[in-house]
PDB file of N, CA and C in Angstrom:
ATOM      1  N   MET A   1      28.741-290.997  32.376  1.00  0.00           N
ATOM      2  CA  MET A   1      28.514-291.720  31.113  1.00  0.00           C
ATOM      3  C   MET A   1      29.695-292.667  30.919  1.00  0.00           C
ATOM      4  N   LYS A   2      29.466-293.759  30.525  1.00  0.00           N
ATOM      5  CA  LYS A   2      30.367-294.907  30.627  1.00  0.00           C
ATOM      6  C   LYS A   2      31.065-294.627  29.241  1.00  0.00           C
ATOM      7  N   ARG A   3      32.474-294.857  29.400  1.00  0.00           N
ATOM      8  CA  ARG A   3      33.497-294.827  28.078  1.00  0.00           C
ATOM      9  C   ARG A   3      33.426-296.300  27.636  1.00  0.00           C
ATOM     10  N   ILE A   4      33.229-296.235  26.330  1.00  0.00           N
ATOM     11  CA  ILE A   4      33.172-297.394  25.530  1.00  0.00           C
ATOM     12  C   ILE A   4      34.637-297.733  24.883  1.00  0.00           C
ATOM     13  N   ASP A   5      35.436-296.813  24.989  1.00  0.00           N
ATOM     14  CA  ASP A   5      36.816-296.886  24.441  1.00  0.00           C
ATOM     15  C   ASP A   5      38.110-297.397  25.043  1.00  0.00           C
ATOM     16  N   VAL A   6      37.640-297.553  26.488  1.00  0.00           N
ATOM     17  CA  VAL A   6      38.805-297.865  27.362  1.00  0.00           C
ATOM     18  C   VAL A   6      39.254-299.442  26.940  1.00  0.00           C
ATOM     19  N   ARG A   7      38.550-300.346  26.719  1.00  0.00           N
ATOM     20  CA  ARG A   7      39.008-301.709  26.403  1.00  0.00           C
ATOM     21  C   ARG A   7      40.004-301.870  25.246  1.00  0.00           C
ATOM     22  N   ASP A   8      39.494-300.839  24.167  1.00  0.00           N
ATOM     23  CA  ASP A   8      40.212-301.123  22.831  1.00  0.00           C
ATOM     24  C   ASP A   8      41.580-300.242  23.098  1.00  0.00           C
ATOM     25  N   LYS A   9      41.514-299.190  23.806  1.00  0.00           N
ATOM     26  CA  LYS A   9      42.901-298.416  24.278  1.00  0.00           C
ATOM     27  C   LYS A   9      43.762-299.304  24.885  1.00  0.00           C
ATOM     28  N   SER A  10      43.288-299.922  26.130  1.00  0.00           N
ATOM     29  CA  SER A  10      44.151-300.720  26.872  1.00  0.00           C
ATOM     30  C   SER A  10      44.819-301.996  26.217  1.00  0.00           C
ATOM     31  N   THR A  11      43.900-302.288  25.372  1.00  0.00           N
ATOM     32  CA  THR A  11      44.772-303.734  24.702  1.00  0.00           C
ATOM     33  C   THR A  11      45.310-303.455  23.326  1.00  0.00           C
ATOM     34  N   GLY A  12      45.534-302.184  22.964  1.00  0.00           N
ATOM     35  CA  GLY A  12      46.240-302.014  21.865  1.00  0.00           C
ATOM     36  C   GLY A  12      45.406-302.044  20.637  1.00  0.00           C
ATOM     37  N   ARG A  13      44.294-302.347  20.758  1.00  0.00           N
ATOM     38  CA  ARG A  13      43.465-302.399  19.592  1.00  0.00           C
ATOM     39  C   ARG A  13      43.277-300.937  18.689  1.00  0.00           C
ATOM     40  N   THR A  14      43.049-300.047  19.387  1.00  0.00           N
ATOM     41  CA  THR A  14      42.904-298.679  18.868  1.00  0.00           C
ATOM     42  C   THR A  14      44.239-298.215  18.319  1.00  0.00           C
ATOM     43  N   LYS A  15      44.356-297.689  17.136  1.00  0.00           N
ATOM     44  CA  LYS A  15      45.478-296.976  16.517  1.00  0.00           C
ATOM     45  C   LYS A  15      45.754-295.535  16.681  1.00  0.00           C
ATOM     46  N   PHE A  16      46.827-295.155  16.958  1.00  0.00           N
ATOM     47  CA  PHE A  16      47.036-293.673  17.045  1.00  0.00           C
ATOM     48  C   PHE A  16      48.090-293.233  16.094  1.00  0.00           C
ATOM     49  N   GLY A  17      47.983-291.837  16.217  1.00  0.00           N
ATOM     50  CA  GLY A  17      49.114-291.461  15.114  1.00  0.00           C
ATOM     51  C   GLY A  17      50.543-292.050  15.217  1.00  0.00           C
ATOM     52  N   ILE A  18      50.945-292.213  16.339  1.00  0.00           N
ATOM     53  CA  ILE A  18      52.146-292.687  16.605  1.00  0.00           C
ATOM     54  C   ILE A  18      52.408-294.110  16.222  1.00  0.00           C
ATOM     55  N   ASP A  19      51.283-294.899  15.889  1.00  0.00           N
ATOM     56  CA  ASP A  19      51.238-296.224  15.376  1.00  0.00           C
ATOM     57  C   ASP A  19      51.588-296.424  13.924  1.00  0.00           C
ATOM     58  N   ALA A  20      51.460-295.164  13.265  1.00  0.00           N
ATOM     59  CA  ALA A  20      51.430-295.100  11.743  1.00  0.00           C
ATOM     60  C   ALA A  20      52.949-295.554  11.361  1.00  0.00           C
ATOM     61  N   LYS A  21      52.877-296.373  10.112  1.00  0.00           N
ATOM     62  CA  LYS A  21      54.043-296.961   9.435  1.00  0.00           C
ATOM     63  C   LYS A  21      54.164-296.778   8.069  1.00  0.00           C
ATOM     64  N   GLN A  22      55.167-296.293   7.494  1.00  0.00           N
ATOM     65  CA  GLN A  22      55.247-296.037   5.911  1.00  0.00           C
ATOM     66  C   GLN A  22      56.426-297.056   5.644  1.00  0.00           C
ATOM     67  N   PRO A  23      56.306-297.535   4.347  1.00  0.00           N
ATOM     68  CA  PRO A  23      57.527-298.280   3.692  1.00  0.00           C
ATOM     69  C   PRO A  23      58.770-297.483   3.771  1.00  0.00           C
ATOM     70  N   ASP A  24      59.994-298.065   4.315  1.00  0.00           N
ATOM     71  CA  ASP A  24      61.133-297.594   4.512  1.00  0.00           C
ATOM     72  C   ASP A  24      61.186-296.331   5.481  1.00  0.00           C
ATOM     73  N   MET A  25      60.206-296.408   6.371  1.00  0.00           N
ATOM     74  CA  MET A  25      60.374-295.360   7.424  1.00  0.00           C
ATOM     75  C   MET A  25      61.337-295.314   8.321  1.00  0.00           C
ATOM     76  N   VAL A  26      62.131-294.359   8.734  1.00  0.00           N
ATOM     77  CA  VAL A  26      63.036-294.178   9.511  1.00  0.00           C
ATOM     78  C   VAL A  26      62.535-293.227  10.724  1.00  0.00           C
ATOM     79  N   TYR A  27      63.521-293.320  11.854  1.00  0.00           N
ATOM     80  CA  TYR A  27      63.090-292.565  12.969  1.00  0.00           C
ATOM     81  C   TYR A  27      64.417-291.614  13.320  1.00  0.00           C
ATOM     82  N   ALA A  28      64.017-290.520  13.978  1.00  0.00           N
ATOM     83  CA  ALA A  28      65.417-289.716  14.316  1.00  0.00           C
ATOM     84  C   ALA A  28      64.895-289.271  15.899  1.00  0.00           C
ATOM     85  N   VAL A  29      66.043-289.205  16.421  1.00  0.00           N
ATOM     86  CA  VAL A  29      66.108-288.837  18.000  1.00  0.00           C
ATOM     87  C   VAL A  29      67.092-287.627  18.018  1.00  0.00           C
ATOM     88  N   LEU A  30      66.743-286.547  18.660  1.00  0.00           N
ATOM     89  CA  LEU A  30      67.886-285.327  18.689  1.00  0.00           C
ATOM     90  C   LEU A  30      68.274-285.133  20.070  1.00  0.00           C
ATOM     91  N   ALA A  31      69.667-284.969  20.117  1.00  0.00           N
ATOM     92  CA  ALA A  31      70.395-284.711  21.348  1.00  0.00           C
ATOM     93  C   ALA A  31      70.847-283.134  21.004  1.00  0.00           C
ATOM     94  N   ARG A  32      70.136-282.348  21.746  1.00  0.00           N
ATOM     95  CA  ARG A  32      70.382-280.938  21.804  1.00  0.00           C
ATOM     96  C   ARG A  32      71.419-280.425  22.649  1.00  0.00           C
ATOM     97  N   CYS A  33      71.796-279.220  22.326  1.00  0.00           N
ATOM     98  CA  CYS A  33      72.959-278.550  23.438  1.00  0.00           C
ATOM     99  C   CYS A  33      72.202-278.228  24.463  1.00  0.00           C
ATOM    100  N   PRO A  34      72.596-278.553  25.852  1.00  0.00           N
ATOM    101  CA  PRO A  34      71.904-278.050  27.066  1.00  0.00           C
ATOM    102  C   PRO A  34      71.938-276.675  27.244  1.00  0.00           C
ATOM    103  N   VAL A  35      72.900-275.865  26.552  1.00  0.00           N
ATOM    104  CA  VAL A  35      72.934-274.544  26.960  1.00  0.00           C
ATOM    105  C   VAL A  35      72.002-273.869  25.865  1.00  0.00           C
ATOM    106  N   PHE A  36      71.261-272.823  26.249  1.00  0.00           N
ATOM    107  CA  PHE A  36      70.535-272.088  25.290  1.00  0.00           C
ATOM    108  C   PHE A  36      71.412-271.429  24.232  1.00  0.00           C
ATOM    109  N   GLY A  37      71.165-271.516  22.948  1.00  0.00           N
ATOM    110  CA  GLY A  37      72.080-270.754  21.838  1.00  0.00           C
ATOM    111  C   GLY A  37      73.358-271.427  21.578  1.00  0.00           C
ATOM    112  N   GLY A  38      73.792-272.590  22.376  1.00  0.00           N
ATOM    113  CA  GLY A  38      74.991-273.299  22.229  1.00  0.00           C
ATOM    114  C   GLY A  38      75.062-273.939  21.079  1.00  0.00           C
ATOM    115  N   LYS A  39      76.157-274.374  20.644  1.00  0.00           N
ATOM    116  CA  LYS A  39      76.373-275.275  19.656  1.00  0.00           C
ATOM    117  C   LYS A  39      77.334-276.517  19.902  1.00  0.00           C
ATOM    118  N   VAL A  40      77.376-277.355  18.971  1.00  0.00           N
ATOM    119  CA  VAL A  40      78.053-278.481  19.212  1.00  0.00           C
ATOM    120  C   VAL A  40      79.744-278.286  19.172  1.00  0.00           C
ATOM    121  N   ALA A  41      80.389-278.627  20.216  1.00  0.00           N
ATOM    122  CA  ALA A  41      81.745-278.436  19.811  1.00  0.00           C
ATOM    123  C   ALA A  41      82.365-279.512  19.274  1.00  0.00           C
ATOM    124  N   SER A  42      82.066-280.629  19.721  1.00  0.00           N
ATOM    125  CA  SER A  42      82.378-281.789  18.863  1.00  0.00           C
ATOM    126  C   SER A  42      81.782-283.176  19.191  1.00  0.00           C
ATOM    127  N   PHE A  43      81.839-284.251  18.449  1.00  0.00           N
ATOM    128  CA  PHE A  43      81.062-285.524  18.632  1.00  0.00           C
ATOM    129  C   PHE A  43      81.772-286.542  17.817  1.00  0.00           C
ATOM    130  N   ASP A  44      81.821-287.865  18.627  1.00  0.00           N
ATOM    131  CA  ASP A  44      82.251-288.780  17.775  1.00  0.00           C
ATOM    132  C   ASP A  44      81.136-289.751  17.720  1.00  0.00           C
ATOM    133  N   ALA A  45      80.748-290.026  16.303  1.00  0.00           N
ATOM    134  CA  ALA A  45      79.753-290.940  16.081  1.00  0.00           C
ATOM    135  C   ALA A  45      79.906-292.423  15.867  1.00  0.00           C
ATOM    136  N   SER A  46      81.264-292.698  16.152  1.00  0.00           N
ATOM    137  CA  SER A  46      81.597-294.140  15.751  1.00  0.00           C
ATOM    138  C   SER A  46      80.913-295.249  16.594  1.00  0.00           C
ATOM    139  N   LYS A  47      80.874-295.014  18.028  1.00  0.00           N
ATOM    140  CA  LYS A  47      80.179-296.029  18.798  1.00  0.00           C
ATOM    141  C   LYS A  47      78.590-295.812  18.431  1.00  0.00           C
ATOM    142  N   THR A  48      78.037-294.570  18.350  1.00  0.00           N
ATOM    143  CA  THR A  48      76.598-294.668  17.946  1.00  0.00           C
ATOM    144  C   THR A  48      76.185-295.422  16.527  1.00  0.00           C
ATOM    145  N   LYS A  49      77.126-295.118  15.639  1.00  0.00           N
ATOM    146  CA  LYS A  49      76.779-295.916  14.183  1.00  0.00           C
ATOM    147  C   LYS A  49      77.131-297.408  14.479  1.00  0.00           C
ATOM    148  N   ALA A  50      77.679-297.732  15.355  1.00  0.00           N
ATOM    149  CA  ALA A  50      77.872-299.138  15.606  1.00  0.00           C
ATOM    150  C   ALA A  50      76.547-300.145  16.233  1.00  0.00           C
ATOM    151  N   VAL A  51      75.864-299.339  16.835  1.00  0.00           N
ATOM    152  CA  VAL A  51      74.473-299.759  17.176  1.00  0.00           C
ATOM    153  C   VAL A  51      73.606-300.289  16.164  1.00  0.00           C
ATOM    154  N   SER A  52      73.032-301.450  16.374  1.00  0.00           N
ATOM    155  CA  SER A  52      72.331-302.210  15.293  1.00  0.00           C
ATOM    156  C   SER A  52      71.326-301.254  15.009  1.00  0.00           C
ATOM    157  N   GLY A  53      70.833-301.050  13.663  1.00  0.00           N
ATOM    158  CA  GLY A  53      69.698-300.164  13.269  1.00  0.00           C
ATOM    159  C   GLY A  53      70.017-298.708  12.983  1.00  0.00           C
ATOM    160  N   VAL A  54      71.074-298.331  13.569  1.00  0.00           N
ATOM    161  CA  VAL A  54      71.195-296.712  13.201  1.00  0.00           C
ATOM    162  C   VAL A  54      71.987-296.551  11.786  1.00  0.00           C
ATOM    163  N   LYS A  55      71.207-295.801  11.336  1.00  0.00           N
ATOM    164  CA  LYS A  55      71.848-295.445   9.938  1.00  0.00           C
ATOM    165  C   LYS A  55      72.812-294.555   9.737  1.00  0.00           C
ATOM    166  N   ASP A  56      72.627-293.264  10.340  1.00  0.00           N
ATOM    167  CA  ASP A  56      73.475-292.211  10.342  1.00  0.00           C
ATOM    168  C   ASP A  56      73.290-291.342  11.613  1.00  0.00           C
ATOM    169  N   VAL A  57      74.482-290.436  11.774  1.00  0.00           N
ATOM    170  CA  VAL A  57      74.486-289.602  12.997  1.00  0.00           C
ATOM    171  C   VAL A  57      74.684-288.246  12.096  1.00  0.00           C
ATOM    172  N   VAL A  58      73.903-287.327  12.289  1.00  0.00           N
ATOM    173  CA  VAL A  58      74.338-286.146  11.573  1.00  0.00           C
ATOM    174  C   VAL A  58      74.284-284.784  12.652  1.00  0.00           C
ATOM    175  N   GLN A  59      75.020-283.766  12.283  1.00  0.00           N
ATOM    176  CA  GLN A  59      75.019-282.587  12.968  1.00  0.00           C
ATOM    177  C   GLN A  59      73.864-281.710  12.551  1.00  0.00           C
ATOM    178  N   ILE A  60      73.173-281.237  13.623  1.00  0.00           N
ATOM    179  CA  ILE A  60      72.107-280.056  13.240  1.00  0.00           C
ATOM    180  C   ILE A  60      72.446-278.832  13.677  1.00  0.00           C
ATOM    181  N   SER A  61      71.768-277.814  13.538  1.00  0.00           N
ATOM    182  CA  SER A  61      72.157-276.431  14.115  1.00  0.00           C
ATOM    183  C   SER A  61      72.544-276.314  15.662  1.00  0.00           C
ATOM    184  N   ASN A  62      71.675-276.917  16.518  1.00  0.00           N
ATOM    185  CA  ASN A  62      71.875-276.932  17.865  1.00  0.00           C
ATOM    186  C   ASN A  62      71.929-278.230  18.262  1.00  0.00           C
ATOM    187  N   GLY A  63      72.679-279.459  17.870  1.00  0.00           N
ATOM    188  CA  GLY A  63      72.749-280.432  18.202  1.00  0.00           C
ATOM    189  C   GLY A  63      73.132-281.591  17.341  1.00  0.00           C
ATOM    190  N   VAL A  64      72.787-282.809  17.596  1.00  0.00           N
ATOM    191  CA  VAL A  64      73.048-284.000  16.628  1.00  0.00           C
ATOM    192  C   VAL A  64      71.974-284.799  16.763  1.00  0.00           C
ATOM    193  N   ALA A  65      71.449-285.379  15.667  1.00  0.00           N
ATOM    194  CA  ALA A  65      70.277-286.237  15.196  1.00  0.00           C
ATOM    195  C   ALA A  65      70.846-287.563  14.921  1.00  0.00           C
ATOM    196  N   VAL A  66      70.342-288.552  15.630  1.00  0.00           N
ATOM    197  CA  VAL A  66      70.696-289.815  15.261  1.00  0.00           C
ATOM    198  C   VAL A  66      69.390-290.515  14.355  1.00  0.00           C
ATOM    199  N   ILE A  67      69.765-291.183  13.184  1.00  0.00           N
ATOM    200  CA  ILE A  67      68.811-291.565  12.268  1.00  0.00           C
ATOM    201  C   ILE A  67      68.656-293.201  12.379  1.00  0.00           C
ATOM    202  N   ALA A  68      67.573-293.758  12.482  1.00  0.00           N
ATOM    203  CA  ALA A  68      67.499-295.259  12.828  1.00  0.00           C
ATOM    204  C   ALA A  68      66.358-295.934  12.073  1.00  0.00           C
ATOM    205  N   ASP A  69      66.567-297.491  12.115  1.00  0.00           N
ATOM    206  CA  ASP A  69      65.315-298.099  11.736  1.00  0.00           C
ATOM    207  C   ASP A  69      64.252-298.136  12.843  1.00  0.00           C
ATOM    208  N   ASN A  70      64.338-298.038  13.904  1.00  0.00           N
ATOM    209  CA  ASN A  70      63.519-298.110  14.858  1.00  0.00           C
ATOM    210  C   ASN A  70      63.761-297.006  16.080  1.00  0.00           C
ATOM    211  N   THR A  71      62.838-296.836  16.920  1.00  0.00           N
ATOM    212  CA  THR A  71      63.115-295.601  17.929  1.00  0.00           C
ATOM    213  C   THR A  71      64.134-296.175  19.015  1.00  0.00           C
ATOM    214  N   TRP A  72      64.035-297.500  19.194  1.00  0.00           N
ATOM    215  CA  TRP A  72      64.929-298.110  20.240  1.00  0.00           C
ATOM    216  C   TRP A  72      66.377-297.858  19.906  1.00  0.00           C
ATOM    217  N   ALA A  73      66.628-298.096  18.599  1.00  0.00           N
ATOM    218  CA  ALA A  73      68.019-297.945  18.287  1.00  0.00           C
ATOM    219  C   ALA A  73      68.556-296.412  18.080  1.00  0.00           C
ATOM    220  N   ALA A  74      67.609-295.718  17.705  1.00  0.00           N
ATOM    221  CA  ALA A  74      67.702-294.299  17.948  1.00  0.00           C
ATOM    222  C   ALA A  74      68.084-293.548  19.071  1.00  0.00           C
ATOM    223  N   MET A  75      67.421-294.031  20.030  1.00  0.00           N
ATOM    224  CA  MET A  75      67.580-293.545  21.450  1.00  0.00           C
ATOM    225  C   MET A  75      68.755-294.178  22.290  1.00  0.00           C
ATOM    226  N   GLN A  76      69.342-295.100  21.758  1.00  0.00           N
ATOM    227  CA  GLN A  76      70.444-295.776  22.550  1.00  0.00           C
ATOM    228  C   GLN A  76      71.686-294.612  22.810  1.00  0.00           C
ATOM    229  N   ASP A  77      72.330-294.446  23.792  1.00  0.00           N
ATOM    230  CA  ASP A  77      73.194-293.718  24.299  1.00  0.00           C
ATOM    231  C   ASP A  77      74.474-294.384  24.138  1.00  0.00           C
ATOM    232  N   ALA A  78      75.049-294.355  22.984  1.00  0.00           N
ATOM    233  CA  ALA A  78      76.289-295.123  22.796  1.00  0.00           C
ATOM    234  C   ALA A  78      77.607-294.260  22.483  1.00  0.00           C
ATOM    235  N   GLY A  79      77.900-293.401  23.401  1.00  0.00           N
ATOM    236  CA  GLY A  79      78.916-292.643  23.262  1.00  0.00           C
ATOM    237  C   GLY A  79      78.810-291.278  22.753  1.00  0.00           C
ATOM    238  N   LEU A  80      77.496-290.887  22.333  1.00  0.00           N
ATOM    239  CA  LEU A  80      77.207-289.658  21.742  1.00  0.00           C
ATOM    240  C   LEU A  80      77.251-288.635  22.749  1.00  0.00           C
ATOM    241  N   SER A  81      78.067-287.558  22.593  1.00  0.00           N
ATOM    242  CA  SER A  81      78.095-286.437  23.519  1.00  0.00           C
ATOM    243  C   SER A  81      78.104-285.074  22.537  1.00  0.00           C
ATOM    244  N   THR A  82      77.379-284.372  23.231  1.00  0.00           N
ATOM    245  CA  THR A  82      77.155-282.809  22.644  1.00  0.00           C
ATOM    246  C   THR A  82      78.130-281.846  23.208  1.00  0.00           C
TER     247      THR A  82
END
């Protein structure tokens, strides 16, 4: 059976859930402790907060969350260590 959706998917015409945008939407990326059950000993968020688009860096139960205007800014490793 011929697939009729391939062209729209490969050209970006089809919209997926990840394409959803809301007004004032922010993105978060988690840096979790690499040890099961481990906790954050310490972290310095100053370099991460200096990345353009990063709004905040907060400690969560098993790591650190970087909140930003876009995914690229949230994923930048700018001195964040857990």
